[in-house]
Protein backbone atom coordinates (compact mmCIF):
# COMPACT_ATOMS: atom_id res chain seq x y z
CA MET A 1 116.23 86.68 126.21
CA GLU A 2 113.69 83.81 125.37
CA LEU A 3 113.39 81.13 127.82
CA SER A 4 115.01 77.94 126.53
CA GLY A 5 112.16 75.87 128.01
CA ASP A 6 109.41 77.81 125.92
CA ARG A 7 108.59 75.54 123.13
CA ARG A 8 105.58 76.87 121.04
CA LEU A 9 105.79 74.28 118.62
CA PRO A 10 106.76 70.84 120.04
CA GLN A 11 106.05 69.06 116.95
CA LEU A 12 109.04 70.74 115.29
CA GLU A 13 112.77 70.44 115.80
CA TYR A 14 113.88 73.26 118.27
CA LEU A 15 117.05 74.87 117.36
CA GLY A 16 117.42 77.63 119.94
CA ASP A 17 117.13 81.34 119.90
CA ALA A 18 117.62 83.08 116.44
CA THR A 19 121.08 84.75 117.28
CA GLN A 20 122.89 82.01 115.28
CA PHE A 21 120.73 83.33 112.24
CA ALA A 22 121.09 87.04 112.74
CA ALA A 23 123.43 87.75 109.73
CA ARG A 24 121.03 85.39 107.58
CA LEU A 25 118.18 87.46 108.71
CA HIS A 26 119.95 90.51 108.01
CA ALA A 27 120.76 89.38 104.47
CA MET A 28 116.87 88.78 103.93
CA VAL A 29 116.09 92.57 104.46
CA PRO A 30 115.44 93.10 100.73
CA ASP A 31 112.67 90.35 100.86
CA SER A 32 111.23 91.05 104.11
CA PRO A 33 108.70 93.63 104.92
CA LEU A 34 109.18 92.93 108.77
CA PHE A 35 113.05 93.55 108.49
CA GLU A 36 113.16 96.30 105.80
CA ASN A 37 113.73 99.16 108.12
CA LEU A 38 116.08 97.24 110.63
CA ASN A 39 119.81 97.39 110.60
CA LEU A 40 122.11 94.51 111.68
CA ALA A 41 122.50 95.50 115.14
CA GLU A 42 118.72 95.83 115.41
CA ILE A 43 118.15 92.23 113.92
CA ARG A 44 120.54 90.73 116.22
CA LEU A 45 119.03 92.36 119.20
CA MET A 46 115.61 91.17 118.02
CA SER A 47 117.16 87.63 117.29
CA HIS A 48 117.78 87.26 120.96
CA PHE A 49 113.93 87.41 121.48
CA MET A 50 113.13 84.81 118.71
CA GLN A 51 113.14 80.94 118.59
CA VAL A 52 114.08 78.97 115.52
CA TYR A 53 112.61 75.52 114.56
CA ARG A 54 113.11 73.17 111.69
CA ALA A 55 109.91 71.74 109.88
CA GLN A 56 110.22 68.75 107.54
CA ALA A 57 108.43 68.52 104.29
CA GLY A 58 104.58 68.08 104.89
CA GLN A 59 104.91 68.93 108.64
CA GLU A 60 101.84 71.11 109.74
CA VAL A 61 103.32 74.24 111.71
CA ILE A 62 100.17 75.86 112.41
CA ARG A 63 96.56 74.36 112.27
CA GLU A 64 93.43 76.24 111.40
CA GLY A 65 91.21 77.12 114.65
CA ASP A 66 94.15 76.60 117.31
CA SER A 67 94.84 79.56 119.45
CA GLY A 68 98.19 81.39 118.71
CA ASP A 69 100.25 84.01 120.49
CA PHE A 70 103.01 84.08 117.87
CA LEU A 71 104.13 84.97 114.38
CA MET A 72 106.26 82.97 112.09
CA PHE A 73 109.14 84.29 109.95
CA VAL A 74 110.24 81.90 107.12
CA ILE A 75 114.08 81.78 107.17
CA GLU A 76 114.31 78.86 104.71
CA GLY A 77 112.00 76.89 102.54
CA ARG A 78 108.30 77.58 101.81
CA ILE A 79 105.07 77.28 103.80
CA GLU A 80 101.74 76.35 102.14
CA VAL A 81 98.71 78.02 103.74
CA PHE A 82 95.38 76.11 103.41
CA ARG A 83 91.84 77.22 104.45
CA GLN A 84 89.17 74.66 104.63
CA ASP A 85 86.28 75.36 102.04
CA ARG A 86 82.59 74.84 102.71
CA ALA A 87 82.82 71.19 102.02
CA GLY A 88 85.66 70.65 104.61
CA SER A 89 88.35 70.04 101.94
CA PRO A 90 91.62 72.07 102.40
CA ARG A 91 92.22 74.56 99.75
CA LEU A 92 95.51 76.24 98.79
CA ILE A 93 95.23 80.05 99.38
CA ALA A 94 98.84 81.07 99.68
CA VAL A 95 102.44 80.10 99.55
CA VAL A 96 104.78 82.04 101.99
CA GLU A 97 108.48 82.26 100.82
CA ALA A 98 111.54 82.80 102.77
CA GLY A 99 111.65 86.42 104.03
CA LYS A 100 107.95 86.48 104.73
CA THR A 101 105.57 86.26 107.88
CA LEU A 102 102.60 84.45 108.79
CA GLY A 103 100.43 84.19 111.92
CA GLU A 104 100.51 88.08 112.64
CA MET A 105 96.85 88.34 113.17
CA SER A 106 96.57 85.67 115.97
CA MET A 107 99.58 87.07 117.47
CA ILE A 108 98.15 90.41 117.91
CA ASP A 109 94.57 89.85 118.55
CA GLY A 110 94.66 86.42 120.28
CA GLU A 111 92.00 84.79 117.86
CA PRO A 112 92.08 81.39 116.48
CA ARG A 113 94.40 80.64 113.51
CA PHE A 114 92.76 81.50 110.23
CA ALA A 115 94.34 78.73 108.26
CA THR A 116 96.56 75.66 108.34
CA CYS A 117 100.23 76.11 107.47
CA VAL A 118 102.41 73.15 106.15
CA ALA A 119 106.01 73.12 105.37
CA ASP A 120 106.43 72.51 101.50
CA GLY A 121 109.90 71.08 102.10
CA ALA A 122 112.56 71.24 104.78
CA SER A 123 112.18 74.79 106.25
CA LEU A 124 113.46 76.80 109.00
CA ILE A 125 111.11 78.95 110.90
CA GLY A 126 111.66 81.89 113.28
CA VAL A 127 109.09 82.55 115.93
CA LEU A 128 108.31 85.73 117.68
CA THR A 129 105.71 85.38 120.55
CA ARG A 130 103.45 88.15 121.85
CA GLU A 131 105.18 87.97 125.23
CA SER A 132 108.69 88.54 123.28
CA LEU A 133 107.28 91.49 121.48
CA ALA A 134 105.99 93.01 124.78
CA ARG A 135 109.41 92.47 126.25
CA ILE A 136 111.14 94.07 123.15
CA ILE A 137 108.81 97.04 123.58
CA LEU A 138 109.71 97.56 127.21
CA GLU A 139 113.26 96.67 127.08
CA GLN A 140 114.12 98.17 123.50
CA PRO A 141 111.41 100.84 123.05
CA ILE A 142 112.84 102.13 119.64
CA LEU A 143 113.21 98.60 118.32
CA GLY A 144 109.69 97.76 119.47
CA ALA A 145 108.31 100.75 117.75
CA LYS A 146 109.88 100.04 114.51
CA ILE A 147 108.72 96.27 114.68
CA LEU A 148 105.08 97.40 115.57
CA MET A 149 105.22 100.00 112.73
CA GLU A 150 106.28 97.24 110.24
CA LEU A 151 103.53 94.90 111.55
CA VAL A 152 101.06 97.47 110.99
CA LEU A 153 101.96 98.50 107.64
CA MET A 154 102.01 94.72 106.57
CA LEU A 155 98.56 94.03 107.98
CA SER A 156 97.32 97.34 106.42
CA GLN A 157 98.68 96.42 102.93
CA ARG A 158 97.18 93.02 103.24
CA LEU A 159 93.78 94.59 104.30
CA ARG A 160 93.74 97.04 101.20
CA GLN A 161 94.61 93.88 98.99
CA THR A 162 91.96 91.72 100.34
CA SER A 163 89.42 94.80 100.08
CA SER A 164 90.18 95.35 96.55
CA ARG A 165 89.82 91.49 95.82
CA LEU A 166 86.42 91.64 97.66
CA LEU A 167 85.26 94.50 95.66
CA ALA A 168 86.30 93.15 92.36
CA ALA A 169 84.25 89.92 93.28
CA LEU A 170 81.25 92.13 94.14
CA GLU A 171 81.57 93.84 90.89
CA ASN A 172 81.70 90.61 89.00
CA GLU A 173 78.67 89.38 90.74
CA ARG A 174 76.63 92.58 89.75
CA GLY A 175 77.17 91.95 86.10
CA PRO A 176 77.09 94.63 83.39
CA ALA A 177 73.66 96.09 84.78
CA GLY A 178 75.19 96.73 88.22
CA VAL A 179 72.60 94.21 89.82
CA ALA A 180 73.86 91.11 91.60
CA ASP A 181 72.36 87.65 90.45
CA GLY A 182 69.10 87.28 91.47
CA GLY A 183 68.04 90.75 90.73
CA THR A 184 68.86 92.54 94.06
CA GLY A 185 71.06 95.54 93.74
CA PHE A 186 73.73 96.60 96.35
CA VAL A 187 73.16 99.79 98.25
């Protein structure tokens, strides 16, 4: 079980482990890629390894550039995702609704956070740390394998979507003759 003294988000109100929210998490299965192949018993088991926090409207939950070793699952509310543009101004790039996750990349690779995430209103957030995931894999290998598979599938789908958008943007730059602005072709 998660240590009660382990507070990844000291700026937010800590509500304890997620066991009290297990039934609520299970009810979100239709809306949640992370939980879609988990049954109630598996979600209850996983909830012992998750922490829950409350964020108020406008409260920052993740800051771009910070290190991170956890993912967040939005239980209630909405989280707005901002990325700084070239001028240093925040630009809204996504809104994460209840049932969805954020922060998976940093949890997996340990790299700095890609964006800043801010609660759009009062929100409940479940947190799964890299250490907790490792413990699930060791202590509950079938559940650990299911969670890892869902994470891999989610990240793969996002990569495909991003690749498609990138290709579309490159094709728009090429123009009708297939040449990029400035007269240089892509090889």
